[in-house]
N, C-alpha and C. Protein backbone atom coordinates (compact mmCIF):
# COMPACT_ATOMS: atom_id res chain seq x y z
N MET A 1 -77.26 125.33 -52.09
CA MET A 1 -76.39 126.25 -52.79
C MET A 1 -75.15 126.50 -51.92
N ASN A 2 -73.97 126.36 -52.51
CA ASN A 2 -72.75 126.61 -51.74
C ASN A 2 -72.41 128.11 -51.74
N ASN A 3 -71.38 128.48 -50.98
CA ASN A 3 -71.02 129.89 -50.83
C ASN A 3 -70.68 130.57 -52.15
N LYS A 4 -69.98 129.87 -53.00
CA LYS A 4 -69.58 130.47 -54.29
C LYS A 4 -70.80 130.69 -55.17
N GLU A 5 -71.69 129.73 -55.22
CA GLU A 5 -72.92 129.89 -56.01
C GLU A 5 -73.77 131.03 -55.47
N ARG A 6 -73.85 131.13 -54.15
CA ARG A 6 -74.65 132.21 -53.55
C ARG A 6 -74.03 133.58 -53.85
N LEU A 7 -72.70 133.69 -53.77
CA LEU A 7 -72.05 134.97 -54.08
C LEU A 7 -72.31 135.34 -55.53
N LEU A 8 -72.20 134.41 -56.45
CA LEU A 8 -72.47 134.70 -57.85
C LEU A 8 -73.91 135.16 -58.04
N GLU A 9 -74.84 134.49 -57.38
CA GLU A 9 -76.24 134.88 -57.45
C GLU A 9 -76.42 136.32 -56.96
N MET A 10 -75.78 136.66 -55.85
CA MET A 10 -75.88 138.02 -55.31
C MET A 10 -75.28 139.04 -56.27
N LEU A 11 -74.14 138.72 -56.85
CA LEU A 11 -73.49 139.64 -57.80
C LEU A 11 -74.39 139.89 -59.00
N LYS A 12 -75.00 138.85 -59.53
CA LYS A 12 -75.89 139.01 -60.68
C LYS A 12 -77.12 139.84 -60.32
N GLU A 13 -77.67 139.60 -59.13
CA GLU A 13 -78.89 140.31 -58.72
C GLU A 13 -78.64 141.76 -58.33
N ARG A 14 -77.53 142.03 -57.65
CA ARG A 14 -77.33 143.36 -57.05
C ARG A 14 -76.27 144.22 -57.72
N SER A 15 -75.29 143.60 -58.35
CA SER A 15 -74.14 144.36 -58.84
C SER A 15 -74.08 144.51 -60.36
N LEU A 16 -74.69 143.61 -61.07
CA LEU A 16 -74.57 143.57 -62.52
C LEU A 16 -75.59 144.50 -63.18
N GLU A 17 -75.09 145.37 -64.05
CA GLU A 17 -75.94 146.21 -64.90
C GLU A 17 -75.49 145.97 -66.33
N VAL A 18 -76.39 145.47 -67.15
CA VAL A 18 -76.07 145.22 -68.55
C VAL A 18 -76.51 146.45 -69.34
N ARG A 19 -75.52 147.28 -69.65
CA ARG A 19 -75.70 148.52 -70.38
C ARG A 19 -74.32 149.03 -70.77
N PRO A 20 -74.23 149.88 -71.78
CA PRO A 20 -72.92 150.44 -72.13
C PRO A 20 -72.41 151.34 -71.00
N VAL A 21 -71.12 151.21 -70.69
CA VAL A 21 -70.53 152.00 -69.62
C VAL A 21 -69.05 152.22 -69.92
N THR A 22 -68.52 153.38 -69.50
CA THR A 22 -67.09 153.64 -69.60
C THR A 22 -66.46 153.23 -68.28
N LEU A 23 -65.48 152.35 -68.33
CA LEU A 23 -64.81 151.84 -67.14
C LEU A 23 -63.67 152.76 -66.72
N SER A 24 -63.14 152.56 -65.53
CA SER A 24 -62.03 153.38 -65.04
C SER A 24 -60.80 153.27 -65.93
N SER A 25 -60.70 152.16 -66.67
CA SER A 25 -59.59 151.97 -67.60
C SER A 25 -59.77 152.82 -68.86
N GLY A 26 -60.97 153.40 -69.03
CA GLY A 26 -61.26 154.17 -70.23
C GLY A 26 -61.94 153.34 -71.30
N LYS A 27 -61.97 152.03 -71.11
CA LYS A 27 -62.60 151.13 -72.08
C LYS A 27 -64.13 151.23 -71.97
N ILE A 28 -64.79 150.99 -73.09
CA ILE A 28 -66.25 150.91 -73.12
C ILE A 28 -66.60 149.43 -72.98
N SER A 29 -67.55 149.15 -72.11
CA SER A 29 -67.99 147.77 -71.88
C SER A 29 -69.50 147.69 -72.06
N ASP A 30 -69.98 146.49 -72.32
CA ASP A 30 -71.41 146.29 -72.44
C ASP A 30 -72.08 145.95 -71.10
N TYR A 31 -71.27 145.95 -70.03
CA TYR A 31 -71.85 145.74 -68.70
C TYR A 31 -71.01 146.43 -67.62
N TYR A 32 -71.66 146.65 -66.50
CA TYR A 32 -71.01 147.26 -65.35
C TYR A 32 -71.22 146.34 -64.16
N MET A 33 -70.18 146.19 -63.36
CA MET A 33 -70.27 145.35 -62.17
C MET A 33 -69.82 146.19 -60.98
N ASP A 34 -70.76 146.58 -60.13
CA ASP A 34 -70.44 147.33 -58.92
C ASP A 34 -70.42 146.36 -57.75
N CYS A 35 -69.27 145.74 -57.54
CA CYS A 35 -69.14 144.70 -56.50
C CYS A 35 -69.41 145.23 -55.10
N LYS A 36 -69.21 146.53 -54.88
CA LYS A 36 -69.42 147.09 -53.54
C LYS A 36 -70.87 146.93 -53.07
N ARG A 37 -71.80 146.82 -54.00
CA ARG A 37 -73.20 146.59 -53.63
C ARG A 37 -73.36 145.26 -52.91
N VAL A 38 -72.42 144.36 -53.13
CA VAL A 38 -72.44 143.06 -52.46
C VAL A 38 -71.41 143.01 -51.34
N THR A 39 -70.18 143.47 -51.60
CA THR A 39 -69.12 143.33 -50.59
C THR A 39 -69.36 144.20 -49.36
N LEU A 40 -70.20 145.20 -49.47
CA LEU A 40 -70.52 146.04 -48.31
C LEU A 40 -71.79 145.59 -47.60
N SER A 41 -72.40 144.50 -48.06
CA SER A 41 -73.54 143.92 -47.35
C SER A 41 -73.02 142.85 -46.40
N PRO A 42 -73.72 142.57 -45.31
CA PRO A 42 -73.24 141.57 -44.35
C PRO A 42 -72.98 140.20 -44.99
N GLU A 43 -73.94 139.69 -45.72
CA GLU A 43 -73.77 138.37 -46.33
C GLU A 43 -72.69 138.39 -47.41
N GLY A 44 -72.69 139.42 -48.22
CA GLY A 44 -71.71 139.53 -49.29
C GLY A 44 -70.29 139.65 -48.77
N ALA A 45 -70.11 140.42 -47.70
CA ALA A 45 -68.79 140.56 -47.09
C ALA A 45 -68.32 139.21 -46.56
N TYR A 46 -69.22 138.52 -45.89
CA TYR A 46 -68.88 137.20 -45.35
C TYR A 46 -68.49 136.22 -46.47
N LEU A 47 -69.32 136.14 -47.50
CA LEU A 47 -69.05 135.20 -48.59
C LEU A 47 -67.75 135.54 -49.31
N THR A 48 -67.56 136.81 -49.64
CA THR A 48 -66.35 137.23 -50.34
C THR A 48 -65.12 136.97 -49.48
N GLY A 49 -65.18 137.38 -48.22
CA GLY A 49 -64.05 137.16 -47.31
C GLY A 49 -63.73 135.69 -47.14
N SER A 50 -64.76 134.87 -46.98
CA SER A 50 -64.55 133.42 -46.79
C SER A 50 -63.91 132.79 -48.02
N LEU A 51 -64.46 133.09 -49.18
CA LEU A 51 -63.95 132.47 -50.41
C LEU A 51 -62.54 132.94 -50.74
N MET A 52 -62.26 134.20 -50.51
CA MET A 52 -60.91 134.69 -50.79
C MET A 52 -59.92 134.18 -49.76
N LEU A 53 -60.32 134.11 -48.50
CA LEU A 53 -59.44 133.59 -47.46
C LEU A 53 -59.03 132.15 -47.78
N GLU A 54 -59.94 131.36 -48.33
CA GLU A 54 -59.62 129.98 -48.73
C GLU A 54 -58.53 129.95 -49.79
N MET A 55 -58.44 131.00 -50.61
CA MET A 55 -57.47 131.05 -51.70
C MET A 55 -56.08 131.52 -51.24
N ILE A 56 -56.03 132.16 -50.08
CA ILE A 56 -54.77 132.76 -49.62
C ILE A 56 -53.86 131.70 -49.01
N ARG A 57 -52.65 131.69 -49.50
CA ARG A 57 -51.67 130.71 -49.04
C ARG A 57 -51.38 130.88 -47.54
N PRO A 58 -51.08 129.79 -46.84
CA PRO A 58 -50.88 129.83 -45.40
C PRO A 58 -49.74 130.74 -44.94
N GLU A 59 -48.71 130.93 -45.75
CA GLU A 59 -47.56 131.73 -45.34
C GLU A 59 -47.76 133.23 -45.53
N VAL A 60 -48.90 133.64 -46.09
CA VAL A 60 -49.19 135.05 -46.32
C VAL A 60 -49.54 135.73 -44.99
N SER A 61 -49.04 136.96 -44.81
CA SER A 61 -49.24 137.71 -43.56
C SER A 61 -50.36 138.74 -43.64
N ALA A 62 -50.71 139.19 -44.87
CA ALA A 62 -51.69 140.26 -44.99
C ALA A 62 -52.42 140.19 -46.33
N ALA A 63 -53.60 140.79 -46.32
CA ALA A 63 -54.35 141.04 -47.55
C ALA A 63 -54.33 142.54 -47.77
N ALA A 64 -54.13 142.96 -49.01
CA ALA A 64 -54.03 144.38 -49.32
C ALA A 64 -54.74 144.67 -50.63
N GLY A 65 -55.16 145.93 -50.78
CA GLY A 65 -55.77 146.31 -52.04
C GLY A 65 -55.94 147.80 -52.15
N LEU A 66 -56.12 148.24 -53.39
CA LEU A 66 -56.27 149.66 -53.70
C LEU A 66 -57.65 150.13 -53.27
N THR A 67 -57.68 151.25 -52.55
CA THR A 67 -58.95 151.83 -52.14
C THR A 67 -59.72 152.26 -53.39
N LEU A 68 -60.89 152.07 -53.52
CA LEU A 68 -62.00 151.83 -52.65
C LEU A 68 -62.58 150.43 -52.85
N GLY A 69 -62.43 149.90 -54.05
CA GLY A 69 -63.03 148.60 -54.33
C GLY A 69 -62.54 147.48 -53.45
N ALA A 70 -61.27 147.53 -53.05
CA ALA A 70 -60.70 146.45 -52.25
C ALA A 70 -60.95 146.62 -50.75
N ASP A 71 -61.33 147.80 -50.31
CA ASP A 71 -61.46 148.05 -48.87
C ASP A 71 -62.36 147.05 -48.15
N PRO A 72 -63.61 146.82 -48.61
CA PRO A 72 -64.44 145.86 -47.89
C PRO A 72 -63.92 144.42 -47.99
N ILE A 73 -63.24 144.11 -49.07
CA ILE A 73 -62.68 142.76 -49.24
C ILE A 73 -61.56 142.54 -48.24
N VAL A 74 -60.65 143.50 -48.15
CA VAL A 74 -59.53 143.42 -47.21
C VAL A 74 -60.06 143.29 -45.78
N SER A 75 -61.04 144.10 -45.44
CA SER A 75 -61.59 144.06 -44.07
C SER A 75 -62.24 142.72 -43.77
N ALA A 76 -63.02 142.21 -44.72
CA ALA A 76 -63.70 140.92 -44.50
C ALA A 76 -62.68 139.80 -44.33
N ILE A 77 -61.65 139.78 -45.16
CA ILE A 77 -60.62 138.75 -45.05
C ILE A 77 -59.94 138.82 -43.69
N SER A 78 -59.58 140.03 -43.28
CA SER A 78 -58.87 140.19 -42.01
C SER A 78 -59.72 139.73 -40.82
N VAL A 79 -60.99 140.14 -40.79
CA VAL A 79 -61.88 139.74 -39.69
C VAL A 79 -62.07 138.22 -39.67
N LEU A 80 -62.36 137.64 -40.82
CA LEU A 80 -62.57 136.19 -40.86
C LEU A 80 -61.30 135.42 -40.54
N SER A 81 -60.15 135.98 -40.91
CA SER A 81 -58.89 135.30 -40.58
C SER A 81 -58.67 135.28 -39.07
N HIS A 82 -59.12 136.31 -38.39
CA HIS A 82 -59.02 136.33 -36.92
C HIS A 82 -59.91 135.23 -36.32
N ILE A 83 -61.12 135.14 -36.82
CA ILE A 83 -62.05 134.12 -36.32
C ILE A 83 -61.47 132.72 -36.53
N GLN A 84 -60.78 132.54 -37.67
CA GLN A 84 -60.18 131.24 -37.98
C GLN A 84 -58.77 131.09 -37.41
N LYS A 85 -58.34 132.05 -36.62
CA LYS A 85 -57.03 132.03 -35.96
C LYS A 85 -55.85 132.03 -36.95
N ARG A 86 -56.06 132.69 -38.12
CA ARG A 86 -54.98 132.85 -39.10
C ARG A 86 -54.29 134.19 -38.93
N GLY A 87 -55.01 135.18 -38.46
CA GLY A 87 -54.43 136.48 -38.14
C GLY A 87 -53.82 137.26 -39.29
N LEU A 88 -54.53 137.39 -40.42
CA LEU A 88 -54.03 138.19 -41.52
C LEU A 88 -54.34 139.67 -41.28
N SER A 89 -53.34 140.51 -41.40
CA SER A 89 -53.54 141.94 -41.30
C SER A 89 -54.18 142.44 -42.59
N GLY A 90 -54.80 143.60 -42.50
CA GLY A 90 -55.36 144.25 -43.67
C GLY A 90 -54.56 145.51 -43.99
N LEU A 91 -54.24 145.71 -45.25
CA LEU A 91 -53.54 146.90 -45.71
C LEU A 91 -54.37 147.57 -46.80
N ILE A 92 -54.56 148.87 -46.66
CA ILE A 92 -55.27 149.64 -47.67
C ILE A 92 -54.25 150.47 -48.42
N VAL A 93 -54.29 150.40 -49.73
CA VAL A 93 -53.35 151.14 -50.57
C VAL A 93 -54.06 152.38 -51.11
N ARG A 94 -53.49 153.53 -50.81
CA ARG A 94 -54.07 154.80 -51.27
C ARG A 94 -53.78 155.03 -52.75
N LYS A 95 -54.66 155.79 -53.40
CA LYS A 95 -54.42 156.19 -54.79
C LYS A 95 -53.42 157.34 -54.84
N GLU A 96 -53.46 158.18 -53.82
CA GLU A 96 -52.52 159.30 -53.68
C GLU A 96 -51.89 159.18 -52.30
N PRO A 97 -50.65 159.64 -52.14
CA PRO A 97 -50.04 159.53 -50.81
C PRO A 97 -50.76 160.44 -49.81
N LYS A 98 -50.73 160.02 -48.58
CA LYS A 98 -51.29 160.82 -47.50
C LYS A 98 -50.62 162.19 -47.54
N LYS A 99 -51.39 163.26 -47.38
CA LYS A 99 -50.86 164.62 -47.53
C LYS A 99 -50.15 165.13 -46.27
N HIS A 100 -50.24 164.41 -45.18
CA HIS A 100 -49.61 164.84 -43.93
C HIS A 100 -49.07 163.62 -43.19
N GLY A 101 -48.43 163.84 -42.08
CA GLY A 101 -47.93 162.73 -41.27
C GLY A 101 -46.92 161.89 -42.02
N THR A 102 -47.24 160.62 -42.20
CA THR A 102 -46.30 159.68 -42.83
C THR A 102 -46.20 159.84 -44.34
N MET A 103 -47.19 160.48 -44.94
CA MET A 103 -47.27 160.63 -46.40
C MET A 103 -47.15 159.28 -47.12
N SER A 104 -47.72 158.28 -46.52
CA SER A 104 -47.62 156.91 -47.00
C SER A 104 -48.72 156.56 -47.99
N PHE A 105 -48.41 155.63 -48.88
CA PHE A 105 -49.40 155.05 -49.78
C PHE A 105 -50.11 153.87 -49.12
N VAL A 106 -49.47 153.23 -48.15
CA VAL A 106 -50.00 152.00 -47.55
C VAL A 106 -50.39 152.27 -46.10
N GLU A 107 -51.64 151.97 -45.78
CA GLU A 107 -52.17 152.15 -44.43
C GLU A 107 -52.44 150.79 -43.81
N GLY A 108 -52.14 150.68 -42.52
CA GLY A 108 -52.42 149.44 -41.81
C GLY A 108 -51.29 149.12 -40.86
N PRO A 109 -51.39 147.99 -40.19
CA PRO A 109 -50.35 147.60 -39.24
C PRO A 109 -49.00 147.43 -39.93
N ALA A 110 -47.95 147.83 -39.24
CA ALA A 110 -46.60 147.61 -39.78
C ALA A 110 -46.29 146.12 -39.75
N LEU A 111 -45.79 145.63 -40.86
CA LEU A 111 -45.40 144.22 -40.97
C LEU A 111 -43.89 144.15 -41.07
N GLU A 112 -43.35 142.97 -40.87
CA GLU A 112 -41.91 142.77 -41.06
C GLU A 112 -41.56 143.02 -42.51
N LYS A 113 -40.38 143.59 -42.74
CA LYS A 113 -39.91 143.78 -44.12
C LYS A 113 -39.91 142.42 -44.82
N GLY A 114 -40.37 142.42 -46.05
CA GLY A 114 -40.42 141.18 -46.81
C GLY A 114 -41.63 140.32 -46.55
N ALA A 115 -42.56 140.79 -45.68
CA ALA A 115 -43.76 140.01 -45.37
C ALA A 115 -44.52 139.70 -46.67
N LEU A 116 -45.05 138.49 -46.74
CA LEU A 116 -45.80 138.06 -47.92
C LEU A 116 -47.23 138.59 -47.87
N VAL A 117 -47.68 139.14 -49.01
CA VAL A 117 -48.98 139.80 -49.07
C VAL A 117 -49.79 139.28 -50.26
N ALA A 118 -51.08 139.05 -50.03
CA ALA A 118 -52.02 138.75 -51.11
C ALA A 118 -52.70 140.07 -51.47
N VAL A 119 -52.64 140.44 -52.73
CA VAL A 119 -53.24 141.69 -53.20
C VAL A 119 -54.59 141.35 -53.82
N VAL A 120 -55.64 142.05 -53.37
CA VAL A 120 -57.01 141.75 -53.79
C VAL A 120 -57.63 142.92 -54.53
N GLU A 121 -58.63 142.60 -55.34
CA GLU A 121 -59.35 143.60 -56.13
C GLU A 121 -60.76 143.09 -56.35
N ASP A 122 -61.70 144.01 -56.59
CA ASP A 122 -63.05 143.55 -56.86
C ASP A 122 -63.18 143.06 -58.31
N ALA A 123 -62.95 143.95 -59.28
CA ALA A 123 -63.05 143.55 -60.68
C ALA A 123 -61.78 143.96 -61.41
N VAL A 124 -61.27 143.07 -62.23
CA VAL A 124 -60.05 143.33 -62.99
C VAL A 124 -60.40 143.44 -64.47
N THR A 125 -60.04 144.58 -65.06
CA THR A 125 -60.22 144.79 -66.50
C THR A 125 -58.84 144.79 -67.14
N SER A 126 -58.13 145.90 -67.04
CA SER A 126 -56.78 146.01 -67.61
C SER A 126 -55.72 145.50 -66.65
N GLY A 127 -56.08 145.42 -65.38
CA GLY A 127 -55.12 145.03 -64.34
C GLY A 127 -54.39 146.19 -63.73
N ALA A 128 -54.62 147.42 -64.22
CA ALA A 128 -53.86 148.59 -63.78
C ALA A 128 -53.99 148.86 -62.28
N SER A 129 -55.18 148.77 -61.73
CA SER A 129 -55.38 149.04 -60.30
C SER A 129 -54.67 148.01 -59.44
N LEU A 130 -54.79 146.76 -59.82
CA LEU A 130 -54.12 145.71 -59.05
C LEU A 130 -52.60 145.85 -59.15
N ILE A 131 -52.11 146.18 -60.33
CA ILE A 131 -50.67 146.37 -60.52
C ILE A 131 -50.18 147.58 -59.72
N ARG A 132 -50.97 148.65 -59.67
CA ARG A 132 -50.59 149.82 -58.87
C ARG A 132 -50.48 149.43 -57.39
N ALA A 133 -51.42 148.63 -56.92
CA ALA A 133 -51.37 148.16 -55.53
C ALA A 133 -50.14 147.28 -55.30
N VAL A 134 -49.85 146.39 -56.24
CA VAL A 134 -48.66 145.53 -56.14
C VAL A 134 -47.40 146.38 -56.04
N ASP A 135 -47.29 147.38 -56.89
CA ASP A 135 -46.11 148.26 -56.88
C ASP A 135 -45.96 148.99 -55.56
N ARG A 136 -47.05 149.48 -55.02
CA ARG A 136 -46.98 150.24 -53.77
C ARG A 136 -46.72 149.33 -52.58
N ILE A 137 -47.23 148.13 -52.61
CA ILE A 137 -46.94 147.15 -51.56
C ILE A 137 -45.46 146.80 -51.61
N SER A 138 -44.92 146.60 -52.79
CA SER A 138 -43.49 146.31 -52.95
C SER A 138 -42.64 147.48 -52.45
N ALA A 139 -43.02 148.70 -52.81
CA ALA A 139 -42.27 149.89 -52.40
C ALA A 139 -42.29 150.06 -50.88
N ALA A 140 -43.32 149.54 -50.23
CA ALA A 140 -43.41 149.62 -48.76
C ALA A 140 -42.54 148.56 -48.09
N GLY A 141 -41.90 147.70 -48.89
CA GLY A 141 -41.00 146.70 -48.33
C GLY A 141 -41.59 145.32 -48.16
N TYR A 142 -42.80 145.13 -48.69
CA TYR A 142 -43.45 143.83 -48.58
C TYR A 142 -43.36 143.10 -49.91
N GLN A 143 -43.70 141.81 -49.89
CA GLN A 143 -43.59 140.99 -51.09
C GLN A 143 -44.96 140.49 -51.53
N PRO A 144 -45.54 141.09 -52.59
CA PRO A 144 -46.80 140.58 -53.12
C PRO A 144 -46.58 139.20 -53.76
N VAL A 145 -47.35 138.22 -53.31
CA VAL A 145 -47.17 136.85 -53.82
C VAL A 145 -48.44 136.28 -54.44
N GLN A 146 -49.57 136.96 -54.25
CA GLN A 146 -50.81 136.50 -54.83
C GLN A 146 -51.61 137.69 -55.33
N ALA A 147 -52.34 137.49 -56.41
CA ALA A 147 -53.26 138.48 -56.96
C ALA A 147 -54.63 137.82 -57.05
N LEU A 148 -55.58 138.35 -56.30
CA LEU A 148 -56.91 137.75 -56.21
C LEU A 148 -57.98 138.76 -56.59
N ALA A 149 -59.04 138.30 -57.22
CA ALA A 149 -60.14 139.19 -57.59
C ALA A 149 -61.47 138.45 -57.49
N ILE A 150 -62.51 139.23 -57.31
CA ILE A 150 -63.85 138.65 -57.39
C ILE A 150 -64.15 138.32 -58.85
N LEU A 151 -63.87 139.29 -59.75
CA LEU A 151 -64.22 139.11 -61.15
C LEU A 151 -63.04 139.43 -62.07
N ASP A 152 -62.74 138.51 -62.96
CA ASP A 152 -61.82 138.76 -64.07
C ASP A 152 -62.71 139.04 -65.27
N ARG A 153 -62.70 140.30 -65.74
CA ARG A 153 -63.54 140.69 -66.87
C ARG A 153 -63.04 140.10 -68.19
N GLN A 154 -61.89 139.45 -68.16
CA GLN A 154 -61.29 138.80 -69.33
C GLN A 154 -61.02 139.80 -70.45
N GLU A 155 -60.41 140.93 -70.06
CA GLU A 155 -60.10 141.99 -71.02
C GLU A 155 -58.62 142.38 -70.97
N GLY A 156 -57.75 141.41 -70.66
CA GLY A 156 -56.31 141.66 -70.69
C GLY A 156 -55.65 141.83 -69.34
N GLY A 157 -56.41 141.98 -68.29
CA GLY A 157 -55.84 142.16 -66.96
C GLY A 157 -55.02 140.98 -66.49
N ARG A 158 -55.52 139.79 -66.71
CA ARG A 158 -54.82 138.57 -66.30
C ARG A 158 -53.43 138.52 -66.93
N GLU A 159 -53.36 138.87 -68.21
CA GLU A 159 -52.09 138.83 -68.92
C GLU A 159 -51.14 139.92 -68.42
N ALA A 160 -51.66 141.11 -68.16
CA ALA A 160 -50.82 142.21 -67.64
C ALA A 160 -50.26 141.86 -66.26
N ILE A 161 -51.07 141.24 -65.44
CA ILE A 161 -50.63 140.84 -64.09
C ILE A 161 -49.60 139.72 -64.20
N LYS A 162 -49.80 138.82 -65.14
CA LYS A 162 -48.85 137.72 -65.37
C LYS A 162 -47.47 138.28 -65.75
N GLU A 163 -47.46 139.36 -66.55
CA GLU A 163 -46.19 140.00 -66.93
C GLU A 163 -45.44 140.54 -65.71
N ARG A 164 -46.15 140.80 -64.63
CA ARG A 164 -45.55 141.27 -63.39
C ARG A 164 -45.14 140.12 -62.48
N GLY A 165 -45.31 138.90 -62.96
CA GLY A 165 -44.87 137.73 -62.21
C GLY A 165 -45.90 137.12 -61.27
N LEU A 166 -47.15 137.56 -61.37
CA LEU A 166 -48.21 137.01 -60.52
C LEU A 166 -49.29 136.38 -61.39
N ASN A 167 -49.89 135.33 -60.87
CA ASN A 167 -51.03 134.71 -61.55
C ASN A 167 -52.31 135.21 -60.90
N LEU A 168 -53.21 135.74 -61.71
CA LEU A 168 -54.49 136.20 -61.20
C LEU A 168 -55.38 135.00 -60.90
N GLN A 169 -55.90 134.97 -59.68
CA GLN A 169 -56.88 133.97 -59.28
C GLN A 169 -58.18 134.73 -59.07
N ALA A 170 -59.20 134.42 -59.85
CA ALA A 170 -60.48 135.11 -59.74
C ALA A 170 -61.58 134.11 -59.36
N LEU A 171 -62.48 134.57 -58.52
CA LEU A 171 -63.62 133.73 -58.16
C LEU A 171 -64.52 133.49 -59.36
N PHE A 172 -64.66 134.54 -60.21
CA PHE A 172 -65.55 134.45 -61.36
C PHE A 172 -64.92 135.16 -62.57
N THR A 173 -65.42 134.80 -63.74
CA THR A 173 -65.03 135.48 -64.97
C THR A 173 -66.30 136.01 -65.64
N ARG A 174 -66.10 136.81 -66.66
CA ARG A 174 -67.23 137.32 -67.44
C ARG A 174 -68.16 136.18 -67.85
N ASP A 175 -67.60 135.06 -68.25
CA ASP A 175 -68.40 133.93 -68.71
C ASP A 175 -69.39 133.47 -67.64
N ASP A 176 -69.00 133.56 -66.38
CA ASP A 176 -69.89 133.13 -65.29
C ASP A 176 -71.12 134.02 -65.14
N LEU A 177 -71.06 135.24 -65.67
CA LEU A 177 -72.15 136.20 -65.51
C LEU A 177 -73.30 136.00 -66.49
N ASP A 178 -73.09 135.24 -67.56
CA ASP A 178 -74.13 135.02 -68.57
C ASP A 178 -74.69 136.35 -69.09
N ILE A 179 -73.81 137.27 -69.47
CA ILE A 179 -74.19 138.61 -69.88
C ILE A 179 -75.25 138.59 -71.00
N ASP A 180 -75.09 137.71 -71.96
CA ASP A 180 -76.02 137.68 -73.10
C ASP A 180 -77.46 137.40 -72.67
N LYS A 181 -77.62 136.69 -71.59
CA LYS A 181 -78.96 136.37 -71.07
C LYS A 181 -79.72 137.65 -70.68
N TYR A 182 -78.97 138.69 -70.28
CA TYR A 182 -79.59 139.91 -69.79
C TYR A 182 -79.80 140.95 -70.89
N LYS A 183 -79.19 140.75 -72.04
CA LYS A 183 -79.31 141.72 -73.14
C LYS A 183 -80.70 141.62 -73.76
N LYS A 184 -81.22 142.80 -74.12
CA LYS A 184 -82.58 142.84 -74.70
C LYS A 184 -82.49 142.91 -76.19
């Protein structure tokens, strides 16, 4: 079993719940995917970081994402990039600005203005969270050039991100989850 197959197996076993749920977008879905159950495990962090790092273009300086779903992904990519001598910084994008000090939306090492950034997310539904991260990375003076996700739920997010000039690259889609197999 290769890394991608193993990550999918872990997501199905640990993260997938086939039941009605209201998503952060407000939409009702017939399944829930809590990727943090995998991305916060040692093996899951390694697999996610490795697979996403392979997708990141060589000229990119950092991986960034909206807290909380992207935090373990950003960290895994950054650590593995160091091991591979690529040296990608990690940036965490806040949902609200810091209330003191810099009052910044973006946390992490300062990069050169215009630095190229890959924006990551765990699951994309409407694309709103990823787009919010893209906007805040742009406002911080960096250039988002890639949009990456573990899961594209195939509910309009890809199209919304495309309207912002980025192509969503996802490791998996809803189709890969075989949702109907789990329905009773």
